[in-house]
Amino acid sequence: MASTGDEGAESDGSAGDAGVVDRWTALDRGWQALALGLGIVAAHVAGQAL
C-alpha cells in the first residue's frame, strides 16, 4: 500500500470517522456490494429475532 505522507496527521481522534470513509471508498465496488449486502442480511436477521 502506498503512503501519502499524511497518515496519522491528526492524532486527536477526530480522524477516526474520516478513516472509515477513506477505507470504504478505497474498496472496489464488488467489496462494497458484499459488505452492504451482508449488513442488510444481518439487519434482517436481527429484526426477525425480535
N, C-alpha and C. Protein backbone atom coordinates (compact mmCIF):
# COMPACT_ATOMS: atom_id res chain seq x y z
N MET A 1 0.84 -1.17 0.00
CA MET A 1 0.00 0.00 0.00
C MET A 1 0.89 1.24 0.00
N ALA A 2 0.61 2.15 -0.85
CA ALA A 2 1.41 3.37 -0.96
C ALA A 2 1.01 4.36 0.12
N SER A 3 1.98 5.02 0.68
CA SER A 3 1.73 6.02 1.72
C SER A 3 1.67 7.40 1.08
N THR A 4 0.69 8.18 1.53
CA THR A 4 0.55 9.54 1.01
C THR A 4 1.30 10.55 1.86
N GLY A 5 1.78 10.11 3.00
CA GLY A 5 2.53 11.01 3.86
C GLY A 5 1.69 11.75 4.86
N ASP A 6 0.36 11.73 4.72
CA ASP A 6 -0.49 12.45 5.66
C ASP A 6 -1.22 11.50 6.60
N GLU A 7 -0.83 10.26 6.61
CA GLU A 7 -1.47 9.30 7.51
C GLU A 7 -1.04 9.60 8.93
N GLY A 8 -2.01 9.62 9.82
CA GLY A 8 -1.72 9.89 11.22
C GLY A 8 -1.45 11.35 11.49
N ALA A 9 -1.83 12.22 10.59
CA ALA A 9 -1.57 13.64 10.78
C ALA A 9 -2.38 14.19 11.94
N GLU A 10 -3.59 13.70 12.13
CA GLU A 10 -4.42 14.14 13.24
C GLU A 10 -4.47 13.03 14.28
N SER A 11 -3.94 13.31 15.45
CA SER A 11 -3.88 12.29 16.47
C SER A 11 -4.87 12.55 17.60
N ASP A 12 -5.77 13.50 17.43
CA ASP A 12 -6.72 13.83 18.49
C ASP A 12 -7.98 12.96 18.43
N GLY A 13 -8.05 12.01 17.52
CA GLY A 13 -9.18 11.12 17.43
C GLY A 13 -10.25 11.57 16.47
N SER A 14 -10.19 12.80 15.98
CA SER A 14 -11.22 13.29 15.08
C SER A 14 -11.08 12.69 13.69
N ALA A 15 -9.95 12.08 13.39
CA ALA A 15 -9.73 11.48 12.07
C ALA A 15 -10.33 10.08 12.01
N GLY A 16 -10.92 9.60 13.09
CA GLY A 16 -11.49 8.25 13.11
C GLY A 16 -12.59 8.06 12.09
N ASP A 17 -13.52 9.01 12.02
CA ASP A 17 -14.60 8.91 11.05
C ASP A 17 -14.08 9.05 9.63
N ALA A 18 -13.14 9.94 9.42
CA ALA A 18 -12.58 10.12 8.08
C ALA A 18 -11.84 8.87 7.65
N GLY A 19 -11.21 8.17 8.61
CA GLY A 19 -10.51 6.95 8.28
C GLY A 19 -11.46 5.87 7.79
N VAL A 20 -12.63 5.79 8.39
CA VAL A 20 -13.63 4.81 7.96
C VAL A 20 -14.11 5.14 6.56
N VAL A 21 -14.35 6.42 6.29
CA VAL A 21 -14.80 6.83 4.97
C VAL A 21 -13.72 6.55 3.93
N ASP A 22 -12.47 6.85 4.27
CA ASP A 22 -11.37 6.60 3.34
C ASP A 22 -11.24 5.11 3.06
N ARG A 23 -11.38 4.29 4.08
CA ARG A 23 -11.29 2.84 3.88
C ARG A 23 -12.44 2.34 3.02
N TRP A 24 -13.65 2.89 3.26
CA TRP A 24 -14.82 2.45 2.49
C TRP A 24 -14.66 2.82 1.02
N THR A 25 -14.23 4.05 0.75
CA THR A 25 -14.09 4.48 -0.64
C THR A 25 -12.91 3.81 -1.32
N ALA A 26 -11.95 3.31 -0.55
CA ALA A 26 -10.80 2.62 -1.14
C ALA A 26 -11.19 1.22 -1.62
N LEU A 27 -12.27 0.67 -1.09
CA LEU A 27 -12.71 -0.64 -1.54
C LEU A 27 -13.26 -0.56 -2.95
N ASP A 28 -13.06 -1.61 -3.72
CA ASP A 28 -13.67 -1.59 -5.04
C ASP A 28 -15.16 -1.90 -4.91
N ARG A 29 -15.90 -1.73 -5.98
CA ARG A 29 -17.37 -1.82 -5.94
C ARG A 29 -17.85 -3.21 -5.51
N GLY A 30 -17.13 -4.24 -5.88
CA GLY A 30 -17.54 -5.59 -5.50
C GLY A 30 -17.52 -5.80 -4.00
N TRP A 31 -16.46 -5.34 -3.34
CA TRP A 31 -16.36 -5.49 -1.89
C TRP A 31 -17.38 -4.61 -1.18
N GLN A 32 -17.63 -3.41 -1.74
CA GLN A 32 -18.65 -2.55 -1.15
C GLN A 32 -20.02 -3.22 -1.22
N ALA A 33 -20.32 -3.83 -2.36
CA ALA A 33 -21.62 -4.50 -2.52
C ALA A 33 -21.73 -5.68 -1.57
N LEU A 34 -20.65 -6.42 -1.41
CA LEU A 34 -20.67 -7.56 -0.49
C LEU A 34 -20.90 -7.10 0.95
N ALA A 35 -20.16 -6.07 1.37
CA ALA A 35 -20.31 -5.56 2.73
C ALA A 35 -21.72 -5.02 2.97
N LEU A 36 -22.24 -4.29 2.01
CA LEU A 36 -23.59 -3.74 2.14
C LEU A 36 -24.62 -4.86 2.20
N GLY A 37 -24.47 -5.86 1.36
CA GLY A 37 -25.40 -6.99 1.36
C GLY A 37 -25.37 -7.75 2.68
N LEU A 38 -24.17 -7.98 3.20
CA LEU A 38 -24.07 -8.68 4.48
C LEU A 38 -24.68 -7.86 5.61
N GLY A 39 -24.53 -6.54 5.54
CA GLY A 39 -25.14 -5.68 6.55
C GLY A 39 -26.65 -5.73 6.50
N ILE A 40 -27.21 -5.77 5.30
CA ILE A 40 -28.66 -5.86 5.14
C ILE A 40 -29.18 -7.19 5.66
N VAL A 41 -28.47 -8.27 5.34
CA VAL A 41 -28.87 -9.59 5.83
C VAL A 41 -28.80 -9.64 7.35
N ALA A 42 -27.74 -9.08 7.93
CA ALA A 42 -27.60 -9.07 9.39
C ALA A 42 -28.73 -8.27 10.04
N ALA A 43 -29.09 -7.14 9.45
CA ALA A 43 -30.18 -6.34 9.99
C ALA A 43 -31.51 -7.09 9.89
N HIS A 44 -31.70 -7.80 8.80
CA HIS A 44 -32.93 -8.59 8.63
C HIS A 44 -33.01 -9.70 9.67
N VAL A 45 -31.91 -10.40 9.87
CA VAL A 45 -31.87 -11.49 10.86
C VAL A 45 -32.12 -10.94 12.25
N ALA A 46 -31.50 -9.79 12.57
CA ALA A 46 -31.71 -9.18 13.88
C ALA A 46 -33.18 -8.76 14.05
N GLY A 47 -33.79 -8.26 12.99
CA GLY A 47 -35.20 -7.89 13.06
C GLY A 47 -36.10 -9.07 13.24
N GLN A 48 -35.76 -10.19 12.64
CA GLN A 48 -36.58 -11.41 12.78
C GLN A 48 -36.45 -12.01 14.17
N ALA A 49 -35.32 -11.78 14.83
CA ALA A 49 -35.08 -12.34 16.16
C ALA A 49 -35.91 -11.61 17.23
N LEU A 50 -36.38 -10.43 16.94
CA LEU A 50 -37.13 -9.66 17.95
C LEU A 50 -38.56 -10.12 18.07
